[in-house]
PDB file of N, CA and C in Angstrom:
ATOM      1  N   MET A   1      -3.325  -4.159 -41.520  1.00  0.00           N
ATOM      2  CA  MET A   1      -2.677  -2.916 -41.399  1.00  0.00           C
ATOM      3  C   MET A   1      -2.774  -1.988 -40.145  1.00  0.00           C
ATOM      4  N   ARG A   2      -3.866  -1.859 -39.746  1.00  0.00           N
ATOM      5  CA  ARG A   2      -4.349  -1.239 -38.473  1.00  0.00           C
ATOM      6  C   ARG A   2      -3.518  -1.777 -37.356  1.00  0.00           C
ATOM      7  N   LYS A   3      -3.444  -3.123 -37.222  1.00  0.00           N
ATOM      8  CA  LYS A   3      -2.685  -3.718 -36.183  1.00  0.00           C
ATOM      9  C   LYS A   3      -1.327  -3.692 -36.394  1.00  0.00           C
ATOM     10  N   GLY A   4      -0.788  -3.312 -37.479  1.00  0.00           N
ATOM     11  CA  GLY A   4       0.858  -3.288 -37.577  1.00  0.00           C
ATOM     12  C   GLY A   4       1.349  -4.487 -37.642  1.00  0.00           C
ATOM     13  N   GLU A   5       0.550  -5.375 -38.507  1.00  0.00           N
ATOM     14  CA  GLU A   5       1.095  -6.817 -38.709  1.00  0.00           C
ATOM     15  C   GLU A   5       1.639  -6.969 -40.151  1.00  0.00           C
ATOM     16  N   ILE A   6       1.473  -6.174 -40.972  1.00  0.00           N
ATOM     17  CA  ILE A   6       1.960  -6.216 -42.505  1.00  0.00           C
ATOM     18  C   ILE A   6       3.357  -5.454 -42.458  1.00  0.00           C
ATOM     19  N   ILE A   7       4.427  -6.267 -42.475  1.00  0.00           N
ATOM     20  CA  ILE A   7       5.898  -5.728 -42.305  1.00  0.00           C
ATOM     21  C   ILE A   7       6.082  -4.862 -43.630  1.00  0.00           C
ATOM     22  N   GLY A   8       6.541  -3.829 -43.365  1.00  0.00           N
ATOM     23  CA  GLY A   8       6.952  -2.801 -44.504  1.00  0.00           C
ATOM     24  C   GLY A   8       6.215  -1.750 -44.680  1.00  0.00           C
ATOM     25  N   TYR A   9       4.882  -1.561 -43.923  1.00  0.00           N
ATOM     26  CA  TYR A   9       3.869  -0.500 -44.178  1.00  0.00           C
ATOM     27  C   TYR A   9       3.614  -0.026 -42.815  1.00  0.00           C
ATOM     28  N   HIS A  10       3.291   1.060 -42.720  1.00  0.00           N
ATOM     29  CA  HIS A  10       2.713   1.728 -41.262  1.00  0.00           C
ATOM     30  C   HIS A  10       1.491   2.696 -41.568  1.00  0.00           C
ATOM     31  N   MET A  11       0.372   2.558 -41.059  1.00  0.00           N
ATOM     32  CA  MET A  11      -0.674   3.209 -41.099  1.00  0.00           C
ATOM     33  C   MET A  11      -0.686   4.395 -40.232  1.00  0.00           C
ATOM     34  N   LEU A  12      -1.110   5.705 -40.581  1.00  0.00           N
ATOM     35  CA  LEU A  12      -1.154   6.986 -39.880  1.00  0.00           C
ATOM     36  C   LEU A  12      -2.498   7.327 -39.939  1.00  0.00           C
ATOM     37  N   ASN A  13      -2.939   7.778 -38.634  1.00  0.00           N
ATOM     38  CA  ASN A  13      -4.411   7.908 -38.466  1.00  0.00           C
ATOM     39  C   ASN A  13      -4.719   9.306 -39.203  1.00  0.00           C
ATOM     40  N   LYS A  14      -6.105   9.407 -39.386  1.00  0.00           N
ATOM     41  CA  LYS A  14      -6.731  10.681 -39.887  1.00  0.00           C
ATOM     42  C   LYS A  14      -6.327  12.005 -39.408  1.00  0.00           C
ATOM     43  N   CYS A  15      -6.002  13.059 -40.101  1.00  0.00           N
ATOM     44  CA  CYS A  15      -5.390  14.167 -39.619  1.00  0.00           C
ATOM     45  C   CYS A  15      -6.601  15.159 -39.960  1.00  0.00           C
ATOM     46  N   GLU A  16      -7.244  15.615 -38.793  1.00  0.00           N
ATOM     47  CA  GLU A  16      -8.311  16.689 -38.734  1.00  0.00           C
ATOM     48  C   GLU A  16      -8.059  17.970 -38.223  1.00  0.00           C
ATOM     49  N   LEU A  17      -6.846  18.315 -38.270  1.00  0.00           N
ATOM     50  CA  LEU A  17      -6.455  19.688 -37.623  1.00  0.00           C
ATOM     51  C   LEU A  17      -7.203  20.692 -38.413  1.00  0.00           C
ATOM     52  N   ASP A  18      -7.686  21.721 -37.722  1.00  0.00           N
ATOM     53  CA  ASP A  18      -8.451  23.027 -38.238  1.00  0.00           C
ATOM     54  C   ASP A  18      -7.133  23.852 -38.730  1.00  0.00           C
ATOM     55  N   GLY A  19      -7.517  24.170 -40.025  1.00  0.00           N
ATOM     56  CA  GLY A  19      -6.829  25.036 -40.789  1.00  0.00           C
ATOM     57  C   GLY A  19      -5.534  24.396 -41.364  1.00  0.00           C
ATOM     58  N   LEU A  20      -5.299  23.250 -41.510  1.00  0.00           N
ATOM     59  CA  LEU A  20      -4.350  22.479 -42.011  1.00  0.00           C
ATOM     60  C   LEU A  20      -3.985  22.797 -43.592  1.00  0.00           C
ATOM     61  N   SER A  21      -5.106  22.748 -44.393  1.00  0.00           N
ATOM     62  CA  SER A  21      -5.158  23.019 -45.810  1.00  0.00           C
ATOM     63  C   SER A  21      -4.401  24.399 -45.979  1.00  0.00           C
ATOM     64  N   GLU A  22      -4.588  25.452 -45.140  1.00  0.00           N
ATOM     65  CA  GLU A  22      -4.213  26.761 -45.398  1.00  0.00           C
ATOM     66  C   GLU A  22      -2.847  27.073 -45.029  1.00  0.00           C
ATOM     67  N   ARG A  23      -2.277  26.379 -43.830  1.00  0.00           N
ATOM     68  CA  ARG A  23      -1.051  26.338 -43.403  1.00  0.00           C
ATOM     69  C   ARG A  23       0.081  25.597 -43.820  1.00  0.00           C
ATOM     70  N   CYS A  24      -0.403  24.432 -44.460  1.00  0.00           N
ATOM     71  CA  CYS A  24       0.708  23.467 -44.995  1.00  0.00           C
ATOM     72  C   CYS A  24       0.481  22.946 -46.474  1.00  0.00           C
ATOM     73  N   ASN A  25      -0.470  23.547 -47.109  1.00  0.00           N
ATOM     74  CA  ASN A  25      -0.890  23.166 -48.348  1.00  0.00           C
ATOM     75  C   ASN A  25      -1.134  21.659 -48.363  1.00  0.00           C
ATOM     76  N   LEU A  26      -1.685  21.007 -47.595  1.00  0.00           N
ATOM     77  CA  LEU A  26      -1.985  19.784 -47.535  1.00  0.00           C
ATOM     78  C   LEU A  26      -3.356  19.323 -47.465  1.00  0.00           C
ATOM     79  N   SER A  27      -4.205  19.998 -48.163  1.00  0.00           N
ATOM     80  CA  SER A  27      -5.632  19.860 -48.125  1.00  0.00           C
ATOM     81  C   SER A  27      -6.061  18.359 -48.531  1.00  0.00           C
ATOM     82  N   ARG A  28      -5.320  17.931 -49.618  1.00  0.00           N
ATOM     83  CA  ARG A  28      -5.799  16.533 -50.092  1.00  0.00           C
ATOM     84  C   ARG A  28      -5.392  15.304 -49.163  1.00  0.00           C
ATOM     85  N   PHE A  29      -4.824  15.653 -48.018  1.00  0.00           N
ATOM     86  CA  PHE A  29      -4.462  14.493 -47.097  1.00  0.00           C
ATOM     87  C   PHE A  29      -5.721  14.890 -45.765  1.00  0.00           C
ATOM     88  N   VAL A  30      -6.294  15.744 -45.738  1.00  0.00           N
ATOM     89  CA  VAL A  30      -7.177  15.904 -44.614  1.00  0.00           C
ATOM     90  C   VAL A  30      -8.296  14.933 -44.620  1.00  0.00           C
ATOM     91  N   GLY A  31      -8.579  14.406 -43.340  1.00  0.00           N
ATOM     92  CA  GLY A  31      -9.423  13.384 -43.229  1.00  0.00           C
ATOM     93  C   GLY A  31      -9.267  11.982 -43.932  1.00  0.00           C
ATOM     94  N   GLU A  32      -8.092  11.697 -44.322  1.00  0.00           N
ATOM     95  CA  GLU A  32      -7.653  10.484 -44.926  1.00  0.00           C
ATOM     96  C   GLU A  32      -6.687   9.652 -44.064  1.00  0.00           C
ATOM     97  N   TYR A  33      -6.539   8.498 -44.060  1.00  0.00           N
ATOM     98  CA  TYR A  33      -5.670   7.499 -43.655  1.00  0.00           C
ATOM     99  C   TYR A  33      -4.393   7.639 -44.686  1.00  0.00           C
ATOM    100  N   LEU A  34      -3.089   7.681 -43.902  1.00  0.00           N
ATOM    101  CA  LEU A  34      -2.029   7.630 -44.452  1.00  0.00           C
ATOM    102  C   LEU A  34      -1.119   6.429 -44.518  1.00  0.00           C
ATOM    103  N   ILE A  35      -0.651   5.906 -45.663  1.00  0.00           N
ATOM    104  CA  ILE A  35       0.225   4.737 -45.408  1.00  0.00           C
ATOM    105  C   ILE A  35       1.557   5.165 -45.704  1.00  0.00           C
ATOM    106  N   VAL A  36       2.589   4.569 -44.852  1.00  0.00           N
ATOM    107  CA  VAL A  36       3.918   4.936 -45.021  1.00  0.00           C
ATOM    108  C   VAL A  36       4.607   3.677 -45.562  1.00  0.00           C
ATOM    109  N   ASP A  37       5.348   3.638 -46.664  1.00  0.00           N
ATOM    110  CA  ASP A  37       5.871   2.332 -47.180  1.00  0.00           C
ATOM    111  C   ASP A  37       7.399   2.258 -47.171  1.00  0.00           C
ATOM    112  N   PHE A  38       7.899   1.470 -46.041  1.00  0.00           N
ATOM    113  CA  PHE A  38       9.237   1.556 -45.739  1.00  0.00           C
ATOM    114  C   PHE A  38      10.052   0.822 -46.894  1.00  0.00           C
ATOM    115  N   ARG A  39       9.695   0.138 -47.829  1.00  0.00           N
ATOM    116  CA  ARG A  39      10.353  -0.339 -48.821  1.00  0.00           C
ATOM    117  C   ARG A  39      10.896   0.698 -49.941  1.00  0.00           C
ATOM    118  N   ASN A  40      10.061   1.795 -49.853  1.00  0.00           N
ATOM    119  CA  ASN A  40      10.589   2.885 -50.779  1.00  0.00           C
ATOM    120  C   ASN A  40      11.022   4.156 -50.181  1.00  0.00           C
ATOM    121  N   THR A  41      12.008   3.980 -49.273  1.00  0.00           N
ATOM    122  CA  THR A  41      12.566   5.196 -48.395  1.00  0.00           C
ATOM    123  C   THR A  41      13.401   5.826 -49.625  1.00  0.00           C
ATOM    124  N   VAL A  42      13.665   7.300 -49.304  1.00  0.00           N
ATOM    125  CA  VAL A  42      14.406   7.932 -49.966  1.00  0.00           C
ATOM    126  C   VAL A  42      15.163   8.684 -48.867  1.00  0.00           C
ATOM    127  N   SER A  43      16.722   8.969 -49.096  1.00  0.00           N
ATOM    128  CA  SER A  43      17.492   9.564 -48.337  1.00  0.00           C
ATOM    129  C   SER A  43      18.178  10.963 -48.655  1.00  0.00           C
ATOM    130  N   PHE A  44      18.297  11.938 -48.084  1.00  0.00           N
ATOM    131  CA  PHE A  44      18.699  13.326 -48.425  1.00  0.00           C
ATOM    132  C   PHE A  44      19.838  13.658 -47.466  1.00  0.00           C
ATOM    133  N   PRO A  45      20.700  14.422 -47.881  1.00  0.00           N
ATOM    134  CA  PRO A  45      21.694  14.926 -47.040  1.00  0.00           C
ATOM    135  C   PRO A  45      21.104  15.852 -45.860  1.00  0.00           C
ATOM    136  N   LEU A  46      21.273  15.736 -44.539  1.00  0.00           N
ATOM    137  CA  LEU A  46      20.663  16.550 -43.716  1.00  0.00           C
ATOM    138  C   LEU A  46      20.824  18.073 -43.973  1.00  0.00           C
ATOM    139  N   ASN A  47      21.958  18.574 -44.260  1.00  0.00           N
ATOM    140  CA  ASN A  47      21.945  19.992 -44.667  1.00  0.00           C
ATOM    141  C   ASN A  47      20.964  20.272 -45.508  1.00  0.00           C
ATOM    142  N   LEU A  48      20.735  19.605 -46.702  1.00  0.00           N
ATOM    143  CA  LEU A  48      19.938  19.934 -47.711  1.00  0.00           C
ATOM    144  C   LEU A  48      18.340  20.171 -47.043  1.00  0.00           C
ATOM    145  N   LEU A  49      18.123  19.173 -45.973  1.00  0.00           N
ATOM    146  CA  LEU A  49      16.876  19.387 -45.457  1.00  0.00           C
ATOM    147  C   LEU A  49      16.655  20.571 -44.507  1.00  0.00           C
ATOM    148  N   ILE A  50      17.762  20.789 -43.624  1.00  0.00           N
ATOM    149  CA  ILE A  50      17.681  21.913 -42.810  1.00  0.00           C
ATOM    150  C   ILE A  50      17.572  23.259 -43.486  1.00  0.00           C
ATOM    151  N   GLU A  51      18.378  23.440 -44.657  1.00  0.00           N
ATOM    152  CA  GLU A  51      18.300  24.596 -45.450  1.00  0.00           C
ATOM    153  C   GLU A  51      16.769  24.817 -45.998  1.00  0.00           C
ATOM    154  N   GLY A  52      16.117  23.599 -46.479  1.00  0.00           N
ATOM    155  CA  GLY A  52      14.988  23.475 -47.166  1.00  0.00           C
ATOM    156  C   GLY A  52      13.747  23.895 -46.275  1.00  0.00           C
ATOM    157  N   ALA A  53      13.986  23.638 -44.826  1.00  0.00           N
ATOM    158  CA  ALA A  53      13.035  24.045 -43.787  1.00  0.00           C
ATOM    159  C   ALA A  53      13.242  25.469 -43.613  1.00  0.00           C
ATOM    160  N   LYS A  54      14.264  25.977 -43.363  1.00  0.00           N
ATOM    161  CA  LYS A  54      14.534  27.384 -43.156  1.00  0.00           C
ATOM    162  C   LYS A  54      14.146  28.164 -44.206  1.00  0.00           C
ATOM    163  N   LYS A  55      14.032  27.801 -45.486  1.00  0.00           N
ATOM    164  CA  LYS A  55      13.422  28.493 -46.597  1.00  0.00           C
ATOM    165  C   LYS A  55      11.837  28.716 -46.843  1.00  0.00           C
ATOM    166  N   ARG A  56      11.335  27.414 -46.198  1.00  0.00           N
ATOM    167  CA  ARG A  56       9.911  27.279 -46.692  1.00  0.00           C
ATOM    168  C   ARG A  56       9.114  28.486 -45.618  1.00  0.00           C
ATOM    169  N   LYS A  57       8.155  29.029 -46.229  1.00  0.00           N
ATOM    170  CA  LYS A  57       7.212  30.206 -45.783  1.00  0.00           C
ATOM    171  C   LYS A  57       6.220  29.610 -44.962  1.00  0.00           C
ATOM    172  N   GLU A  58       5.697  28.552 -45.455  1.00  0.00           N
ATOM    173  CA  GLU A  58       4.521  27.793 -44.896  1.00  0.00           C
ATOM    174  C   GLU A  58       4.922  26.881 -43.595  1.00  0.00           C
ATOM    175  N   SER A  59       4.086  26.411 -42.811  1.00  0.00           N
ATOM    176  CA  SER A  59       4.197  25.571 -41.748  1.00  0.00           C
ATOM    177  C   SER A  59       4.464  24.006 -42.322  1.00  0.00           C
ATOM    178  N   ARG A  60       5.160  23.347 -41.448  1.00  0.00           N
ATOM    179  CA  ARG A  60       5.230  21.962 -41.615  1.00  0.00           C
ATOM    180  C   ARG A  60       4.395  20.889 -40.897  1.00  0.00           C
ATOM    181  N   MET A  61       3.989  19.814 -41.440  1.00  0.00           N
ATOM    182  CA  MET A  61       3.059  18.968 -40.542  1.00  0.00           C
ATOM    183  C   MET A  61       3.944  17.993 -40.063  1.00  0.00           C
ATOM    184  N   ARG A  62       3.983  17.783 -38.713  1.00  0.00           N
ATOM    185  CA  ARG A  62       4.906  16.909 -38.017  1.00  0.00           C
ATOM    186  C   ARG A  62       3.981  15.987 -37.139  1.00  0.00           C
ATOM    187  N   LEU A  63       4.614  14.757 -36.858  1.00  0.00           N
ATOM    188  CA  LEU A  63       3.776  13.820 -36.117  1.00  0.00           C
ATOM    189  C   LEU A  63       4.255  14.178 -34.521  1.00  0.00           C
ATOM    190  N   LEU A  64       3.391  14.262 -33.717  1.00  0.00           N
ATOM    191  CA  LEU A  64       3.500  14.315 -32.192  1.00  0.00           C
ATOM    192  C   LEU A  64       4.032  13.029 -31.534  1.00  0.00           C
ATOM    193  N   PRO A  65       4.744  13.279 -30.276  1.00  0.00           N
ATOM    194  CA  PRO A  65       4.805  11.968 -29.579  1.00  0.00           C
ATOM    195  C   PRO A  65       3.482  11.567 -29.160  1.00  0.00           C
ATOM    196  N   PRO A  66       3.097  10.431 -28.751  1.00  0.00           N
ATOM    197  CA  PRO A  66       3.921   9.137 -28.956  1.00  0.00           C
ATOM    198  C   PRO A  66       3.950   8.448 -30.465  1.00  0.00           C
ATOM    199  N   TYR A  67       3.244   9.460 -31.325  1.00  0.00           N
ATOM    200  CA  TYR A  67       3.111   8.738 -32.745  1.00  0.00           C
ATOM    201  C   TYR A  67       4.315   8.622 -33.430  1.00  0.00           C
ATOM    202  N   ARG A  68       5.038   9.674 -33.265  1.00  0.00           N
ATOM    203  CA  ARG A  68       6.509   9.794 -33.850  1.00  0.00           C
ATOM    204  C   ARG A  68       7.383   8.687 -33.537  1.00  0.00           C
ATOM    205  N   GLU A  69       7.350   8.411 -32.143  1.00  0.00           N
ATOM    206  CA  GLU A  69       7.973   7.320 -31.620  1.00  0.00           C
ATOM    207  C   GLU A  69       7.573   5.830 -32.199  1.00  0.00           C
ATOM    208  N   HIS A  70       6.271   5.735 -32.391  1.00  0.00           N
ATOM    209  CA  HIS A  70       5.570   4.465 -32.879  1.00  0.00           C
ATOM    210  C   HIS A  70       5.999   4.312 -34.178  1.00  0.00           C
ATOM    211  N   LEU A  71       5.937   5.484 -35.017  1.00  0.00           N
ATOM    212  CA  LEU A  71       6.451   5.201 -36.567  1.00  0.00           C
ATOM    213  C   LEU A  71       8.110   4.869 -36.526  1.00  0.00           C
ATOM    214  N   SER A  72       8.629   5.443 -35.830  1.00  0.00           N
ATOM    215  CA  SER A  72      10.063   5.172 -35.610  1.00  0.00           C
ATOM    216  C   SER A  72      10.473   3.641 -35.363  1.00  0.00           C
ATOM    217  N   GLN A  73       9.630   3.344 -34.410  1.00  0.00           N
ATOM    218  CA  GLN A  73      10.039   1.995 -34.031  1.00  0.00           C
ATOM    219  C   GLN A  73       9.352   0.788 -34.923  1.00  0.00           C
ATOM    220  N   ALA A  74       8.275   1.268 -35.929  1.00  0.00           N
ATOM    221  CA  ALA A  74       7.773   0.296 -36.815  1.00  0.00           C
ATOM    222  C   ALA A  74       8.840   0.184 -37.866  1.00  0.00           C
ATOM    223  N   TYR A  75       9.713   1.385 -38.107  1.00  0.00           N
ATOM    224  CA  TYR A  75      10.655   1.449 -39.170  1.00  0.00           C
ATOM    225  C   TYR A  75      11.911   0.633 -38.908  1.00  0.00           C
ATOM    226  N   ALA A  76      12.161   0.718 -37.549  1.00  0.00           N
ATOM    227  CA  ALA A  76      13.347  -0.026 -36.937  1.00  0.00           C
ATOM    228  C   ALA A  76      13.071  -1.517 -36.914  1.00  0.00           C
ATOM    229  N   ARG A  77      11.810  -1.809 -36.654  1.00  0.00           N
ATOM    230  CA  ARG A  77      11.568  -3.259 -36.975  1.00  0.00           C
ATOM    231  C   ARG A  77      11.589  -3.891 -38.571  1.00  0.00           C
ATOM    232  N   PHE A  78      11.326  -2.900 -39.137  1.00  0.00           N
ATOM    233  CA  PHE A  78      11.514  -3.305 -40.676  1.00  0.00           C
ATOM    234  C   PHE A  78      12.970  -3.455 -41.018  1.00  0.00           C
ATOM    235  N   ILE A  79      13.685  -2.565 -40.656  1.00  0.00           N
ATOM    236  CA  ILE A  79      15.040  -2.647 -41.007  1.00  0.00           C
ATOM    237  C   ILE A  79      15.899  -3.728 -40.363  1.00  0.00           C
ATOM    238  N   MET A  80      15.567  -3.997 -39.216  1.00  0.00           N
ATOM    239  CA  MET A  80      16.292  -4.885 -38.458  1.00  0.00           C
ATOM    240  C   MET A  80      15.970  -6.342 -38.473  1.00  0.00           C
ATOM    241  N   ARG A  81      15.145  -6.776 -39.447  1.00  0.00           N
ATOM    242  CA  ARG A  81      14.658  -8.157 -39.689  1.00  0.00           C
ATOM    243  C   ARG A  81      15.733  -8.907 -39.948  1.00  0.00           C
ATOM    244  N   VAL A  82      15.790 -10.231 -39.415  1.00  0.00           N
ATOM    245  CA  VAL A  82      16.608 -11.243 -39.690  1.00  0.00           C
ATOM    246  C   VAL A  82      16.002 -12.135 -40.593  1.00  0.00           C
ATOM    247  N   GLY A  83      16.627 -12.574 -41.831  1.00  0.00           N
ATOM    248  CA  GLY A  83      16.007 -13.643 -42.709  1.00  0.00           C
ATOM    249  C   GLY A  83      16.908 -14.656 -42.659  1.00  0.00           C
ATOM    250  N   LEU A  84      15.949 -15.992 -42.212  1.00  0.00           N
ATOM    251  CA  LEU A  84      16.508 -17.232 -42.140  1.00  0.00           C
ATOM    252  C   LEU A  84      16.374 -17.913 -43.293  1.00  0.00           C
ATOM    253  N   PRO A  85      17.155 -18.929 -43.712  1.00  0.00           N
ATOM    254  CA  PRO A  85      16.826 -19.614 -44.840  1.00  0.00           C
ATOM    255  C   PRO A  85      15.489 -20.584 -44.648  1.00  0.00           C
ATOM    256  N   LYS A  86      14.981 -20.801 -45.994  1.00  0.00           N
ATOM    257  CA  LYS A  86      13.645 -21.687 -45.767  1.00  0.00           C
ATOM    258  C   LYS A  86      14.067 -23.229 -45.620  1.00  0.00           C
ATOM    259  N   ASP A  87      15.117 -23.499 -45.931  1.00  0.00           N
ATOM    260  CA  ASP A  87      15.436 -24.962 -45.968  1.00  0.00           C
ATOM    261  C   ASP A  87      16.142 -25.450 -44.697  1.00  0.00           C
ATOM    262  N   ILE A  88      15.954 -24.901 -43.552  1.00  0.00           N
ATOM    263  CA  ILE A  88      16.209 -25.336 -42.163  1.00  0.00           C
ATOM    264  C   ILE A  88      15.753 -26.803 -42.030  1.00  0.00           C
ATOM    265  N   PRO A  89      16.678 -27.837 -41.856  1.00  0.00           N
ATOM    266  CA  PRO A  89      16.006 -29.065 -41.269  1.00  0.00           C
ATOM    267  C   PRO A  89      15.143 -29.434 -40.143  1.00  0.00           C
ATOM    268  N   GLN A  90      14.298 -30.053 -40.137  1.00  0.00           N
ATOM    269  CA  GLN A  90      13.590 -30.191 -38.849  1.00  0.00           C
ATOM    270  C   GLN A  90      14.551 -30.898 -37.761  1.00  0.00           C
ATOM    271  N   PHE A  91      14.088 -30.689 -36.723  1.00  0.00           N
ATOM    272  CA  PHE A  91      14.918 -31.198 -35.533  1.00  0.00           C
ATOM    273  C   PHE A  91      14.578 -32.687 -35.391  1.00  0.00           C
ATOM    274  N   SER A  92      15.691 -33.349 -35.083  1.00  0.00           N
ATOM    275  CA  SER A  92      15.347 -34.948 -34.720  1.00  0.00           C
ATOM    276  C   SER A  92      15.188 -35.266 -33.307  1.00  0.00           C
ATOM    277  N   VAL A  93      14.172 -35.858 -32.856  1.00  0.00           N
ATOM    278  CA  VAL A  93      14.181 -36.545 -31.497  1.00  0.00           C
ATOM    279  C   VAL A  93      14.653 -37.688 -31.249  1.00  0.00           C
ATOM    280  N   LYS A  94      15.726 -37.823 -30.342  1.00  0.00           N
ATOM    281  CA  LYS A  94      16.310 -38.938 -30.212  1.00  0.00           C
ATOM    282  C   LYS A  94      15.644 -39.616 -28.996  1.00  0.00           C
ATOM    283  N   SER A  95      15.386 -41.113 -29.073  1.00  0.00           N
ATOM    284  CA  SER A  95      14.495 -41.696 -27.978  1.00  0.00           C
ATOM    285  C   SER A  95      15.572 -42.437 -27.247  1.00  0.00           C
TER     286      SER A  95
END
């Protein structure tokens, strides 16, 4: 998983920011590796997320570049996989 070779999962490094637990109410995640599971994604209407972020009084934890782009690229690789059938016949070599 650390090498990014397990399709459908992405590992985030430990977060050790000072004061994270007080600002974001995320003390249980401090110092822990986090695993993103692309197989269990949830979608929300964009307006709902924007309104929720405006109403939230505490800070939000965000990934910084280039980690944000790396996570996005891993998700793109997961959803754009092409599945080939298992019963592809062997190539025959003509002599």
